[in-house]
Amino acid sequence: KPLAYWFAVLPEGRSLAHSLVIAVPFWSGLLLYARRIRRGE
């Protein structure tokens, strides 16, 4: 929302951080890293 409403960097208030195209790889990498450093929960 700030990037869309204030800075016009994103096209809409639901785009970058709402996108599954971005989120799914992020989640996968995060879970793998959390497991590696024993911070699974």
PDB file of all heavy atoms in Angstrom:
ATOM      1  N   LYS A   1       0.809  -1.225   0.000  1.00  0.00           N
ATOM      2  CA  LYS A   1       0.000   0.000   0.000  1.00  0.00           C
ATOM      3  C   LYS A   1       0.844   1.277   0.000  1.00  0.00           C
ATOM      4  O   LYS A   1       0.579   2.181  -0.811  1.00  0.00           O
ATOM      5  CB  LYS A   1      -1.005  -0.037   1.143  1.00  0.00           C
ATOM      6  CG  LYS A   1      -2.177  -0.970   0.841  1.00  0.00           C
ATOM      7  CD  LYS A   1      -3.190  -1.000   1.947  1.00  0.00           C
ATOM      8  CE  LYS A   1      -4.469  -1.724   1.503  1.00  0.00           C
ATOM      9  NZ  LYS A   1      -4.249  -3.038   0.906  1.00  0.00           N
ATOM     10  N   PRO A   2       1.866   1.415   0.849  1.00  0.00           N
ATOM     11  CA  PRO A   2       2.683   2.636   0.738  1.00  0.00           C
ATOM     12  C   PRO A   2       3.391   2.758  -0.613  1.00  0.00           C
ATOM     13  O   PRO A   2       3.459   3.856  -1.180  1.00  0.00           O
ATOM     14  CB  PRO A   2       3.697   2.485   1.881  1.00  0.00           C
ATOM     15  CG  PRO A   2       3.029   1.586   2.864  1.00  0.00           C
ATOM     16  CD  PRO A   2       2.239   0.617   2.034  1.00  0.00           C
ATOM     17  N   LEU A   3       3.889   1.645  -1.134  1.00  0.00           N
ATOM     18  CA  LEU A   3       4.597   1.702  -2.415  1.00  0.00           C
ATOM     19  C   LEU A   3       3.655   2.045  -3.562  1.00  0.00           C
ATOM     20  O   LEU A   3       4.077   2.644  -4.557  1.00  0.00           O
ATOM     21  CB  LEU A   3       5.294   0.372  -2.695  1.00  0.00           C
ATOM     22  CG  LEU A   3       6.497   0.051  -1.811  1.00  0.00           C
ATOM     23  CD1 LEU A   3       7.087  -1.304  -2.178  1.00  0.00           C
ATOM     24  CD2 LEU A   3       7.573   1.141  -1.916  1.00  0.00           C
ATOM     25  N   ALA A   4       2.383   1.674  -3.426  1.00  0.00           N
ATOM     26  CA  ALA A   4       1.405   1.998  -4.473  1.00  0.00           C
ATOM     27  C   ALA A   4       0.788   3.377  -4.274  1.00  0.00           C
ATOM     28  O   ALA A   4       0.694   4.172  -5.219  1.00  0.00           O
ATOM     29  CB  ALA A   4       0.307   0.935  -4.505  1.00  0.00           C
ATOM     30  N   TYR A   5       0.362   3.699  -3.036  1.00  0.00           N
ATOM     31  CA  TYR A   5      -0.383   4.927  -2.788  1.00  0.00           C
ATOM     32  C   TYR A   5       0.516   6.165  -2.689  1.00  0.00           C
ATOM     33  O   TYR A   5       0.150   7.248  -3.156  1.00  0.00           O
ATOM     34  CB  TYR A   5      -1.186   4.816  -1.502  1.00  0.00           C
ATOM     35  CG  TYR A   5      -2.220   3.701  -1.492  1.00  0.00           C
ATOM     36  CD1 TYR A   5      -2.783   3.262  -0.291  1.00  0.00           C
ATOM     37  CD2 TYR A   5      -2.634   3.073  -2.663  1.00  0.00           C
ATOM     38  CE1 TYR A   5      -3.739   2.252  -0.263  1.00  0.00           C
ATOM     39  CE2 TYR A   5      -3.571   2.062  -2.644  1.00  0.00           C
ATOM     40  CZ  TYR A   5      -4.111   1.650  -1.446  1.00  0.00           C
ATOM     41  OH  TYR A   5      -5.044   0.643  -1.427  1.00  0.00           O
ATOM     42  N   TRP A   6       1.675   6.017  -2.032  1.00  0.00           N
ATOM     43  CA  TRP A   6       2.533   7.170  -1.784  1.00  0.00           C
ATOM     44  C   TRP A   6       3.618   7.363  -2.846  1.00  0.00           C
ATOM     45  O   TRP A   6       3.922   8.482  -3.227  1.00  0.00           O
ATOM     46  CB  TRP A   6       3.205   7.052  -0.415  1.00  0.00           C
ATOM     47  CG  TRP A   6       2.256   7.203   0.733  1.00  0.00           C
ATOM     48  CD1 TRP A   6       0.999   7.716   0.697  1.00  0.00           C
ATOM     49  CD2 TRP A   6       2.498   6.832   2.100  1.00  0.00           C
ATOM     50  NE1 TRP A   6       0.434   7.698   1.954  1.00  0.00           N
ATOM     51  CE2 TRP A   6       1.328   7.158   2.835  1.00  0.00           C
ATOM     52  CE3 TRP A   6       3.568   6.266   2.762  1.00  0.00           C
ATOM     53  CZ2 TRP A   6       1.223   6.936   4.199  1.00  0.00           C
ATOM     54  CZ3 TRP A   6       3.479   6.037   4.123  1.00  0.00           C
ATOM     55  CH2 TRP A   6       2.314   6.375   4.839  1.00  0.00           C
ATOM     56  N   PHE A   7       4.215   6.253  -3.288  1.00  0.00           N
ATOM     57  CA  PHE A   7       5.389   6.359  -4.160  1.00  0.00           C
ATOM     58  C   PHE A   7       5.123   5.934  -5.609  1.00  0.00           C
ATOM     59  O   PHE A   7       5.986   6.111  -6.462  1.00  0.00           O
ATOM     60  CB  PHE A   7       6.537   5.524  -3.579  1.00  0.00           C
ATOM     61  CG  PHE A   7       6.918   5.910  -2.181  1.00  0.00           C
ATOM     62  CD1 PHE A   7       6.552   5.124  -1.091  1.00  0.00           C
ATOM     63  CD2 PHE A   7       7.621   7.075  -1.942  1.00  0.00           C
ATOM     64  CE1 PHE A   7       6.895   5.480   0.201  1.00  0.00           C
ATOM     65  CE2 PHE A   7       7.975   7.443  -0.650  1.00  0.00           C
ATOM     66  CZ  PHE A   7       7.604   6.652   0.423  1.00  0.00           C
ATOM     67  N   ALA A   8       3.943   5.349  -5.853  1.00  0.00           N
ATOM     68  CA  ALA A   8       3.575   4.915  -7.213  1.00  0.00           C
ATOM     69  C   ALA A   8       4.609   3.966  -7.820  1.00  0.00           C
ATOM     70  O   ALA A   8       4.787   3.932  -9.046  1.00  0.00           O
ATOM     71  CB  ALA A   8       3.369   6.128  -8.111  1.00  0.00           C
ATOM     72  N   VAL A   9       5.270   3.181  -6.972  1.00  0.00           N
ATOM     73  CA  VAL A   9       6.234   2.190  -7.452  1.00  0.00           C
ATOM     74  C   VAL A   9       5.503   0.936  -7.913  1.00  0.00           C
ATOM     75  O   VAL A   9       5.916   0.285  -8.885  1.00  0.00           O
ATOM     76  CB  VAL A   9       7.254   1.851  -6.341  1.00  0.00           C
ATOM     77  CG1 VAL A   9       8.170   0.707  -6.770  1.00  0.00           C
ATOM     78  CG2 VAL A   9       8.062   3.085  -5.972  1.00  0.00           C
ATOM     79  N   LEU A  10       4.415   0.595  -7.222  1.00  0.00           N
ATOM     80  CA  LEU A  10       3.608  -0.570  -7.580  1.00  0.00           C
ATOM     81  C   LEU A  10       2.304  -0.104  -8.220  1.00  0.00           C
ATOM     82  O   LEU A  10       1.812   0.992  -7.919  1.00  0.00           O
ATOM     83  CB  LEU A  10       3.313  -1.408  -6.332  1.00  0.00           C
ATOM     84  CG  LEU A  10       4.521  -2.056  -5.649  1.00  0.00           C
ATOM     85  CD1 LEU A  10       4.092  -2.787  -4.388  1.00  0.00           C
ATOM     86  CD2 LEU A  10       5.248  -3.005  -6.597  1.00  0.00           C
ATOM     87  N   PRO A  11       1.710  -0.938  -9.056  1.00  0.00           N
ATOM     88  CA  PRO A  11       0.501  -0.517  -9.766  1.00  0.00           C
ATOM     89  C   PRO A  11      -0.756  -0.498  -8.911  1.00  0.00           C
ATOM     90  O   PRO A  11      -1.728   0.185  -9.249  1.00  0.00           O
ATOM     91  CB  PRO A  11       0.368  -1.562 -10.880  1.00  0.00           C
ATOM     92  CG  PRO A  11       1.034  -2.787 -10.319  1.00  0.00           C
ATOM     93  CD  PRO A  11       2.174  -2.265  -9.506  1.00  0.00           C
ATOM     94  N   GLU A  12      -0.741  -1.243  -7.806  1.00  0.00           N
ATOM     95  CA  GLU A  12      -1.977  -1.377  -7.020  1.00  0.00           C
ATOM     96  C   GLU A  12      -1.630  -1.803  -5.606  1.00  0.00           C
ATOM     97  O   GLU A  12      -0.533  -2.325  -5.351  1.00  0.00           O
ATOM     98  CB  GLU A  12      -2.888  -2.412  -7.696  1.00  0.00           C
ATOM     99  CG  GLU A  12      -4.377  -2.206  -7.428  1.00  0.00           C
ATOM    100  CD  GLU A  12      -4.864  -3.016  -6.242  1.00  0.00           C
ATOM    101  OE1 GLU A  12      -4.325  -4.104  -5.999  1.00  0.00           O
ATOM    102  OE2 GLU A  12      -5.810  -2.551  -5.568  1.00  0.00           O
ATOM    103  N   GLY A  13      -2.542  -1.552  -4.660  1.00  0.00           N
ATOM    104  CA  GLY A  13      -2.286  -1.853  -3.256  1.00  0.00           C
ATOM    105  C   GLY A  13      -2.251  -3.330  -2.923  1.00  0.00           C
ATOM    106  O   GLY A  13      -1.958  -3.708  -1.785  1.00  0.00           O
ATOM    107  N   ARG A  14      -2.564  -4.180  -3.888  1.00  0.00           N
ATOM    108  CA  ARG A  14      -2.397  -5.625  -3.741  1.00  0.00           C
ATOM    109  C   ARG A  14      -1.642  -6.117  -4.974  1.00  0.00           C
ATOM    110  O   ARG A  14      -2.231  -6.336  -6.020  1.00  0.00           O
ATOM    111  CB  ARG A  14      -3.751  -6.331  -3.627  1.00  0.00           C
ATOM    112  CG  ARG A  14      -4.457  -6.113  -2.315  1.00  0.00           C
ATOM    113  CD  ARG A  14      -5.716  -6.948  -2.181  1.00  0.00           C
ATOM    114  NE  ARG A  14      -6.704  -6.590  -3.194  1.00  0.00           N
ATOM    115  CZ  ARG A  14      -7.944  -7.096  -3.229  1.00  0.00           C
ATOM    116  NH1 ARG A  14      -8.325  -7.978  -2.319  1.00  0.00           N
ATOM    117  NH2 ARG A  14      -8.795  -6.724  -4.169  1.00  0.00           N
ATOM    118  N   SER A  15      -0.340  -6.274  -4.831  1.00  0.00           N
ATOM    119  CA  SER A  15       0.471  -6.713  -5.975  1.00  0.00           C
ATOM    120  C   SER A  15       1.692  -7.479  -5.497  1.00  0.00           C
ATOM    121  O   SER A  15       1.615  -8.700  -5.310  1.00  0.00           O
ATOM    122  CB  SER A  15       0.860  -5.506  -6.857  1.00  0.00           C
ATOM    123  OG  SER A  15       1.367  -4.438  -6.080  1.00  0.00           O
ATOM    124  N   LEU A  16       2.796  -6.819  -5.239  1.00  0.00           N
ATOM    125  CA  LEU A  16       4.061  -7.485  -4.937  1.00  0.00           C
ATOM    126  C   LEU A  16       3.975  -8.473  -3.775  1.00  0.00           C
ATOM    127  O   LEU A  16       4.231  -9.665  -3.933  1.00  0.00           O
ATOM    128  CB  LEU A  16       5.133  -6.429  -4.647  1.00  0.00           C
ATOM    129  CG  LEU A  16       6.497  -6.954  -4.206  1.00  0.00           C
ATOM    130  CD1 LEU A  16       7.161  -7.735  -5.330  1.00  0.00           C
ATOM    131  CD2 LEU A  16       7.397  -5.804  -3.748  1.00  0.00           C
ATOM    132  N   ALA A  17       3.624  -8.000  -2.591  1.00  0.00           N
ATOM    133  CA  ALA A  17       3.614  -8.855  -1.412  1.00  0.00           C
ATOM    134  C   ALA A  17       2.358  -9.708  -1.302  1.00  0.00           C
ATOM    135  O   ALA A  17       2.255 -10.545  -0.411  1.00  0.00           O
ATOM    136  CB  ALA A  17       3.775  -8.005  -0.141  1.00  0.00           C
ATOM    137  N   HIS A  18       1.391  -9.488  -2.201  1.00  0.00           N
ATOM    138  CA  HIS A  18       0.187 -10.314  -2.247  1.00  0.00           C
ATOM    139  C   HIS A  18       0.274 -11.394  -3.326  1.00  0.00           C
ATOM    140  O   HIS A  18      -0.635 -12.215  -3.449  1.00  0.00           O
ATOM    141  CB  HIS A  18      -1.052  -9.456  -2.527  1.00  0.00           C
ATOM    142  CG  HIS A  18      -1.511  -8.624  -1.377  1.00  0.00           C
ATOM    143  ND1 HIS A  18      -0.905  -7.443  -1.031  1.00  0.00           N
ATOM    144  CD2 HIS A  18      -2.530  -8.796  -0.496  1.00  0.00           C
ATOM    145  CE1 HIS A  18      -1.535  -6.911   0.007  1.00  0.00           C
ATOM    146  NE2 HIS A  18      -2.523  -7.709   0.359  1.00  0.00           N
ATOM    147  N   SER A  19       1.324 -11.372  -4.122  1.00  0.00           N
ATOM    148  CA  SER A  19       1.431 -12.259  -5.272  1.00  0.00           C
ATOM    149  C   SER A  19       1.982 -13.626  -4.885  1.00  0.00           C
ATOM    150  O   SER A  19       3.029 -13.730  -4.244  1.00  0.00           O
ATOM    151  CB  SER A  19       2.333 -11.630  -6.331  1.00  0.00           C
ATOM    152  OG  SER A  19       2.607 -12.542  -7.372  1.00  0.00           O
ATOM    153  N   LEU A  20       1.301 -14.676  -5.311  1.00  0.00           N
ATOM    154  CA  LEU A  20       1.800 -16.034  -5.070  1.00  0.00           C
ATOM    155  C   LEU A  20       3.053 -16.313  -5.884  1.00  0.00           C
ATOM    156  O   LEU A  20       3.863 -17.168  -5.507  1.00  0.00           O
ATOM    157  CB  LEU A  20       0.713 -17.060  -5.406  1.00  0.00           C
ATOM    158  CG  LEU A  20      -0.528 -17.049  -4.503  1.00  0.00           C
ATOM    159  CD1 LEU A  20      -1.541 -18.086  -4.982  1.00  0.00           C
ATOM    160  CD2 LEU A  20      -0.148 -17.316  -3.050  1.00  0.00           C
ATOM    161  N   VAL A  21       3.215 -15.614  -6.983  1.00  0.00           N
ATOM    162  CA  VAL A  21       4.432 -15.768  -7.793  1.00  0.00           C
ATOM    163  C   VAL A  21       5.661 -15.383  -6.977  1.00  0.00           C
ATOM    164  O   VAL A  21       6.723 -15.987  -7.102  1.00  0.00           O
ATOM    165  CB  VAL A  21       4.331 -14.907  -9.068  1.00  0.00           C
ATOM    166  CG1 VAL A  21       5.622 -14.968  -9.872  1.00  0.00           C
ATOM    167  CG2 VAL A  21       3.150 -15.354  -9.918  1.00  0.00           C
ATOM    168  N   ILE A  22       5.514 -14.380  -6.135  1.00  0.00           N
ATOM    169  CA  ILE A  22       6.600 -13.937  -5.258  1.00  0.00           C
ATOM    170  C   ILE A  22       6.603 -14.730  -3.955  1.00  0.00           C
ATOM    171  O   ILE A  22       7.656 -15.126  -3.452  1.00  0.00           O
ATOM    172  CB  ILE A  22       6.461 -12.431  -4.948  1.00  0.00           C
ATOM    173  CG1 ILE A  22       6.326 -11.616  -6.233  1.00  0.00           C
ATOM    174  CG2 ILE A  22       7.626 -11.943  -4.106  1.00  0.00           C
ATOM    175  CD1 ILE A  22       7.507 -11.679  -7.152  1.00  0.00           C
ATOM    176  N   ALA A  23       5.419 -14.964  -3.411  1.00  0.00           N
ATOM    177  CA  ALA A  23       5.317 -15.539  -2.070  1.00  0.00           C
ATOM    178  C   ALA A  23       5.771 -16.987  -1.991  1.00  0.00           C
ATOM    179  O   ALA A  23       6.467 -17.377  -1.042  1.00  0.00           O
ATOM    180  CB  ALA A  23       3.876 -15.416  -1.564  1.00  0.00           C
ATOM    181  N   VAL A  24       5.389 -17.810  -2.959  1.00  0.00           N
ATOM    182  CA  VAL A  24       5.701 -19.250  -2.864  1.00  0.00           C
ATOM    183  C   VAL A  24       7.209 -19.504  -2.833  1.00  0.00           C
ATOM    184  O   VAL A  24       7.690 -20.258  -1.975  1.00  0.00           O
ATOM    185  CB  VAL A  24       4.997 -20.027  -3.994  1.00  0.00           C
ATOM    186  CG1 VAL A  24       5.495 -21.473  -4.023  1.00  0.00           C
ATOM    187  CG2 VAL A  24       3.482 -19.998  -3.795  1.00  0.00           C
ATOM    188  N   PRO A  25       8.011 -18.905  -3.720  1.00  0.00           N
ATOM    189  CA  PRO A  25       9.464 -19.085  -3.583  1.00  0.00           C
ATOM    190  C   PRO A  25      10.007 -18.541  -2.264  1.00  0.00           C
ATOM    191  O   PRO A  25      10.919 -19.137  -1.665  1.00  0.00           O
ATOM    192  CB  PRO A  25      10.033 -18.312  -4.782  1.00  0.00           C
ATOM    193  CG  PRO A  25       8.917 -18.247  -5.764  1.00  0.00           C
ATOM    194  CD  PRO A  25       7.666 -18.156  -4.947  1.00  0.00           C
ATOM    195  N   PHE A  26       9.447 -17.409  -1.810  1.00  0.00           N
ATOM    196  CA  PHE A  26       9.872 -16.838  -0.537  1.00  0.00           C
ATOM    197  C   PHE A  26       9.585 -17.801   0.619  1.00  0.00           C
ATOM    198  O   PHE A  26      10.445 -18.038   1.474  1.00  0.00           O
ATOM    199  CB  PHE A  26       9.169 -15.505  -0.307  1.00  0.00           C
ATOM    200  CG  PHE A  26       9.320 -14.951   1.079  1.00  0.00           C
ATOM    201  CD1 PHE A  26      10.545 -14.485   1.525  1.00  0.00           C
ATOM    202  CD2 PHE A  26       8.236 -14.911   1.959  1.00  0.00           C
ATOM    203  CE1 PHE A  26      10.688 -13.981   2.810  1.00  0.00           C
ATOM    204  CE2 PHE A  26       8.372 -14.404   3.243  1.00  0.00           C
ATOM    205  CZ  PHE A  26       9.604 -13.938   3.662  1.00  0.00           C
ATOM    206  N   TRP A  27       8.380 -18.359   0.633  1.00  0.00           N
ATOM    207  CA  TRP A  27       8.031 -19.307   1.693  1.00  0.00           C
ATOM    208  C   TRP A  27       8.935 -20.533   1.672  1.00  0.00           C
ATOM    209  O   TRP A  27       9.377 -21.005   2.716  1.00  0.00           O
ATOM    210  CB  TRP A  27       6.575 -19.752   1.542  1.00  0.00           C
ATOM    211  CG  TRP A  27       5.569 -18.666   1.693  1.00  0.00           C
ATOM    212  CD1 TRP A  27       5.751 -17.463   2.328  1.00  0.00           C
ATOM    213  CD2 TRP A  27       4.233 -18.657   1.191  1.00  0.00           C
ATOM    214  NE1 TRP A  27       4.604 -16.714   2.244  1.00  0.00           N
ATOM    215  CE2 TRP A  27       3.657 -17.414   1.565  1.00  0.00           C
ATOM    216  CE3 TRP A  27       3.467 -19.571   0.470  1.00  0.00           C
ATOM    217  CZ2 TRP A  27       2.345 -17.090   1.229  1.00  0.00           C
ATOM    218  CZ3 TRP A  27       2.156 -19.236   0.131  1.00  0.00           C
ATOM    219  CH2 TRP A  27       1.614 -18.010   0.508  1.00  0.00           C
ATOM    220  N   SER A  28       9.196 -21.045   0.485  1.00  0.00           N
ATOM    221  CA  SER A  28      10.025 -22.246   0.364  1.00  0.00           C
ATOM    222  C   SER A  28      11.428 -21.991   0.898  1.00  0.00           C
ATOM    223  O   SER A  28      11.964 -22.782   1.681  1.00  0.00           O
ATOM    224  CB  SER A  28      10.093 -22.687  -1.105  1.00  0.00           C
ATOM    225  OG  SER A  28       8.805 -22.968  -1.610  1.00  0.00           O
ATOM    226  N   GLY A  29      12.023 -20.876   0.474  1.00  0.00           N
ATOM    227  CA  GLY A  29      13.361 -20.544   0.949  1.00  0.00           C
ATOM    228  C   GLY A  29      13.397 -20.291   2.448  1.00  0.00           C
ATOM    229  O   GLY A  29      14.322 -20.717   3.141  1.00  0.00           O
ATOM    230  N   LEU A  30      12.372 -19.613   2.955  1.00  0.00           N
ATOM    231  CA  LEU A  30      12.317 -19.311   4.383  1.00  0.00           C
ATOM    232  C   LEU A  30      12.209 -20.584   5.214  1.00  0.00           C
ATOM    233  O   LEU A  30      12.908 -20.744   6.232  1.00  0.00           O
ATOM    234  CB  LEU A  30      11.130 -18.400   4.670  1.00  0.00           C
ATOM    235  CG  LEU A  30      10.875 -18.054   6.143  1.00  0.00           C
ATOM    236  CD1 LEU A  30      12.031 -17.260   6.715  1.00  0.00           C
ATOM    237  CD2 LEU A  30       9.567 -17.298   6.299  1.00  0.00           C
ATOM    238  N   LEU A  31      11.347 -21.510   4.815  1.00  0.00           N
ATOM    239  CA  LEU A  31      11.178 -22.754   5.569  1.00  0.00           C
ATOM    240  C   LEU A  31      12.449 -23.594   5.549  1.00  0.00           C
ATOM    241  O   LEU A  31      12.815 -24.199   6.563  1.00  0.00           O
ATOM    242  CB  LEU A  31       9.996 -23.545   5.013  1.00  0.00           C
ATOM    243  CG  LEU A  31       8.611 -22.942   5.259  1.00  0.00           C
ATOM    244  CD1 LEU A  31       7.543 -23.763   4.552  1.00  0.00           C
ATOM    245  CD2 LEU A  31       8.302 -22.864   6.758  1.00  0.00           C
ATOM    246  N   LEU A  32      13.113 -23.638   4.406  1.00  0.00           N
ATOM    247  CA  LEU A  32      14.366 -24.390   4.328  1.00  0.00           C
ATOM    248  C   LEU A  32      15.429 -23.774   5.237  1.00  0.00           C
ATOM    249  O   LEU A  32      16.140 -24.483   5.950  1.00  0.00           O
ATOM    250  CB  LEU A  32      14.864 -24.429   2.884  1.00  0.00           C
ATOM    251  CG  LEU A  32      14.083 -25.331   1.924  1.00  0.00           C
ATOM    252  CD1 LEU A  32      14.577 -25.135   0.497  1.00  0.00           C
ATOM    253  CD2 LEU A  32      14.209 -26.802   2.340  1.00  0.00           C
ATOM    254  N   TYR A  33      15.511 -22.438   5.208  1.00  0.00           N
ATOM    255  CA  TYR A  33      16.504 -21.762   6.051  1.00  0.00           C
ATOM    256  C   TYR A  33      16.167 -21.915   7.535  1.00  0.00           C
ATOM    257  O   TYR A  33      17.057 -22.172   8.362  1.00  0.00           O
ATOM    258  CB  TYR A  33      16.569 -20.288   5.679  1.00  0.00           C
ATOM    259  CG  TYR A  33      17.573 -19.513   6.502  1.00  0.00           C
ATOM    260  CD1 TYR A  33      18.940 -19.725   6.345  1.00  0.00           C
ATOM    261  CD2 TYR A  33      17.153 -18.578   7.446  1.00  0.00           C
ATOM    262  CE1 TYR A  33      19.864 -19.017   7.106  1.00  0.00           C
ATOM    263  CE2 TYR A  33      18.062 -17.866   8.205  1.00  0.00           C
ATOM    264  CZ  TYR A  33      19.423 -18.094   8.027  1.00  0.00           C
ATOM    265  OH  TYR A  33      20.327 -17.399   8.790  1.00  0.00           O
ATOM    266  N   ALA A  34      14.884 -21.759   7.887  1.00  0.00           N
ATOM    267  CA  ALA A  34      14.471 -21.902   9.282  1.00  0.00           C
ATOM    268  C   ALA A  34      14.766 -23.308   9.802  1.00  0.00           C
ATOM    269  O   ALA A  34      15.206 -23.483  10.946  1.00  0.00           O
ATOM    270  CB  ALA A  34      12.982 -21.594   9.423  1.00  0.00           C
ATOM    271  N   ARG A  35      14.545 -24.292   8.958  1.00  0.00           N
ATOM    272  CA  ARG A  35      14.850 -25.666   9.365  1.00  0.00           C
ATOM    273  C   ARG A  35      16.340 -25.852   9.552  1.00  0.00           C
ATOM    274  O   ARG A  35      16.783 -26.529  10.490  1.00  0.00           O
ATOM    275  CB  ARG A  35      14.318 -26.641   8.324  1.00  0.00           C
ATOM    276  CG  ARG A  35      14.538 -28.104   8.683  1.00  0.00           C
ATOM    277  CD  ARG A  35      13.923 -29.017   7.648  1.00  0.00           C
ATOM    278  NE  ARG A  35      14.121 -30.417   7.990  1.00  0.00           N
ATOM    279  CZ  ARG A  35      13.708 -31.438   7.247  1.00  0.00           C
ATOM    280  NH1 ARG A  35      13.061 -31.193   6.107  1.00  0.00           N
ATOM    281  NH2 ARG A  35      13.938 -32.668   7.622  1.00  0.00           N
ATOM    282  N   ARG A  36      17.118 -25.251   8.683  1.00  0.00           N
ATOM    283  CA  ARG A  36      18.573 -25.390   8.768  1.00  0.00           C
ATOM    284  C   ARG A  36      19.122 -24.800  10.044  1.00  0.00           C
ATOM    285  O   ARG A  36      20.050 -25.347  10.652  1.00  0.00           O
ATOM    286  CB  ARG A  36      19.212 -24.711   7.555  1.00  0.00           C
ATOM    287  CG  ARG A  36      20.732 -24.810   7.522  1.00  0.00           C
ATOM    288  CD  ARG A  36      21.291 -24.145   6.280  1.00  0.00           C
ATOM    289  NE  ARG A  36      22.733 -24.210   6.247  1.00  0.00           N
ATOM    290  CZ  ARG A  36      23.478 -23.664   5.294  1.00  0.00           C
ATOM    291  NH1 ARG A  36      22.890 -23.019   4.289  1.00  0.00           N
ATOM    292  NH2 ARG A  36      24.795 -23.753   5.337  1.00  0.00           N
ATOM    293  N   ILE A  37      18.591 -23.662  10.490  1.00  0.00           N
ATOM    294  CA  ILE A  37      19.103 -23.018  11.700  1.00  0.00           C
ATOM    295  C   ILE A  37      18.279 -23.404  12.932  1.00  0.00           C
ATOM    296  O   ILE A  37      18.403 -22.771  13.979  1.00  0.00           O
ATOM    297  CB  ILE A  37      19.134 -21.487  11.537  1.00  0.00           C
ATOM    298  CG1 ILE A  37      17.721 -20.922  11.357  1.00  0.00           C
ATOM    299  CG2 ILE A  37      20.038 -21.089  10.376  1.00  0.00           C
ATOM    300  CD1 ILE A  37      17.666 -19.396  11.390  1.00  0.00           C
ATOM    301  N   ARG A  38      17.435 -24.410  12.799  1.00  0.00           N
ATOM    302  CA  ARG A  38      16.642 -24.941  13.914  1.00  0.00           C
ATOM    303  C   ARG A  38      15.684 -23.893  14.490  1.00  0.00           C
ATOM    304  O   ARG A  38      15.560 -23.729  15.706  1.00  0.00           O
ATOM    305  CB  ARG A  38      17.547 -25.498  15.011  1.00  0.00           C
ATOM    306  CG  ARG A  38      18.441 -26.637  14.529  1.00  0.00           C
ATOM    307  CD  ARG A  38      19.312 -27.165  15.660  1.00  0.00           C
ATOM    308  NE  ARG A  38      20.209 -28.187  15.183  1.00  0.00           N
ATOM    309  CZ  ARG A  38      19.891 -29.486  15.068  1.00  0.00           C
ATOM    310  NH1 ARG A  38      18.677 -29.883  15.406  1.00  0.00           N
ATOM    311  NH2 ARG A  38      20.779 -30.358  14.626  1.00  0.00           N
ATOM    312  N   ARG A  39      15.018 -23.179  13.610  1.00  0.00           N
ATOM    313  CA  ARG A  39      13.981 -22.221  14.011  1.00  0.00           C
ATOM    314  C   ARG A  39      12.694 -22.548  13.261  1.00  0.00           C
ATOM    315  O   ARG A  39      12.031 -21.675  12.709  1.00  0.00           O
ATOM    316  CB  ARG A  39      14.399 -20.774  13.698  1.00  0.00           C
ATOM    317  CG  ARG A  39      15.682 -20.314  14.363  1.00  0.00           C
ATOM    318  CD  ARG A  39      15.538 -20.222  15.878  1.00  0.00           C
ATOM    319  NE  ARG A  39      16.677 -19.556  16.471  1.00  0.00           N
ATOM    320  CZ  ARG A  39      17.799 -20.146  16.846  1.00  0.00           C
ATOM    321  NH1 ARG A  39      17.932 -21.455  16.650  1.00  0.00           N
ATOM    322  NH2 ARG A  39      18.783 -19.454  17.383  1.00  0.00           N
ATOM    323  N   GLY A  40      12.358 -23.835  13.230  1.00  0.00           N
ATOM    324  CA  GLY A  40      11.238 -24.292  12.427  1.00  0.00           C
ATOM    325  C   GLY A  40       9.917 -23.645  12.788  1.00  0.00           C
ATOM    326  O   GLY A  40       9.161 -23.220  11.906  1.00  0.00           O
ATOM    327  N   GLU A  41       9.609 -23.553  14.077  1.00  0.00           N
ATOM    328  CA  GLU A  41       8.326 -22.977  14.474  1.00  0.00           C
ATOM    329  C   GLU A  41       8.240 -21.504  14.093  1.00  0.00           C
ATOM    330  O   GLU A  41       7.176 -21.014  13.683  1.00  0.00           O
ATOM    331  CB  GLU A  41       8.115 -23.134  15.983  1.00  0.00           C
ATOM    332  CG  GLU A  41       6.734 -22.687  16.434  1.00  0.00           C
ATOM    333  CD  GLU A  41       6.516 -22.814  17.939  1.00  0.00           C
ATOM    334  OE1 GLU A  41       7.299 -23.522  18.606  1.00  0.00           O
ATOM    335  OE2 GLU A  41       5.557 -22.191  18.432  1.00  0.00           O
TER     336      GLU A  41
END
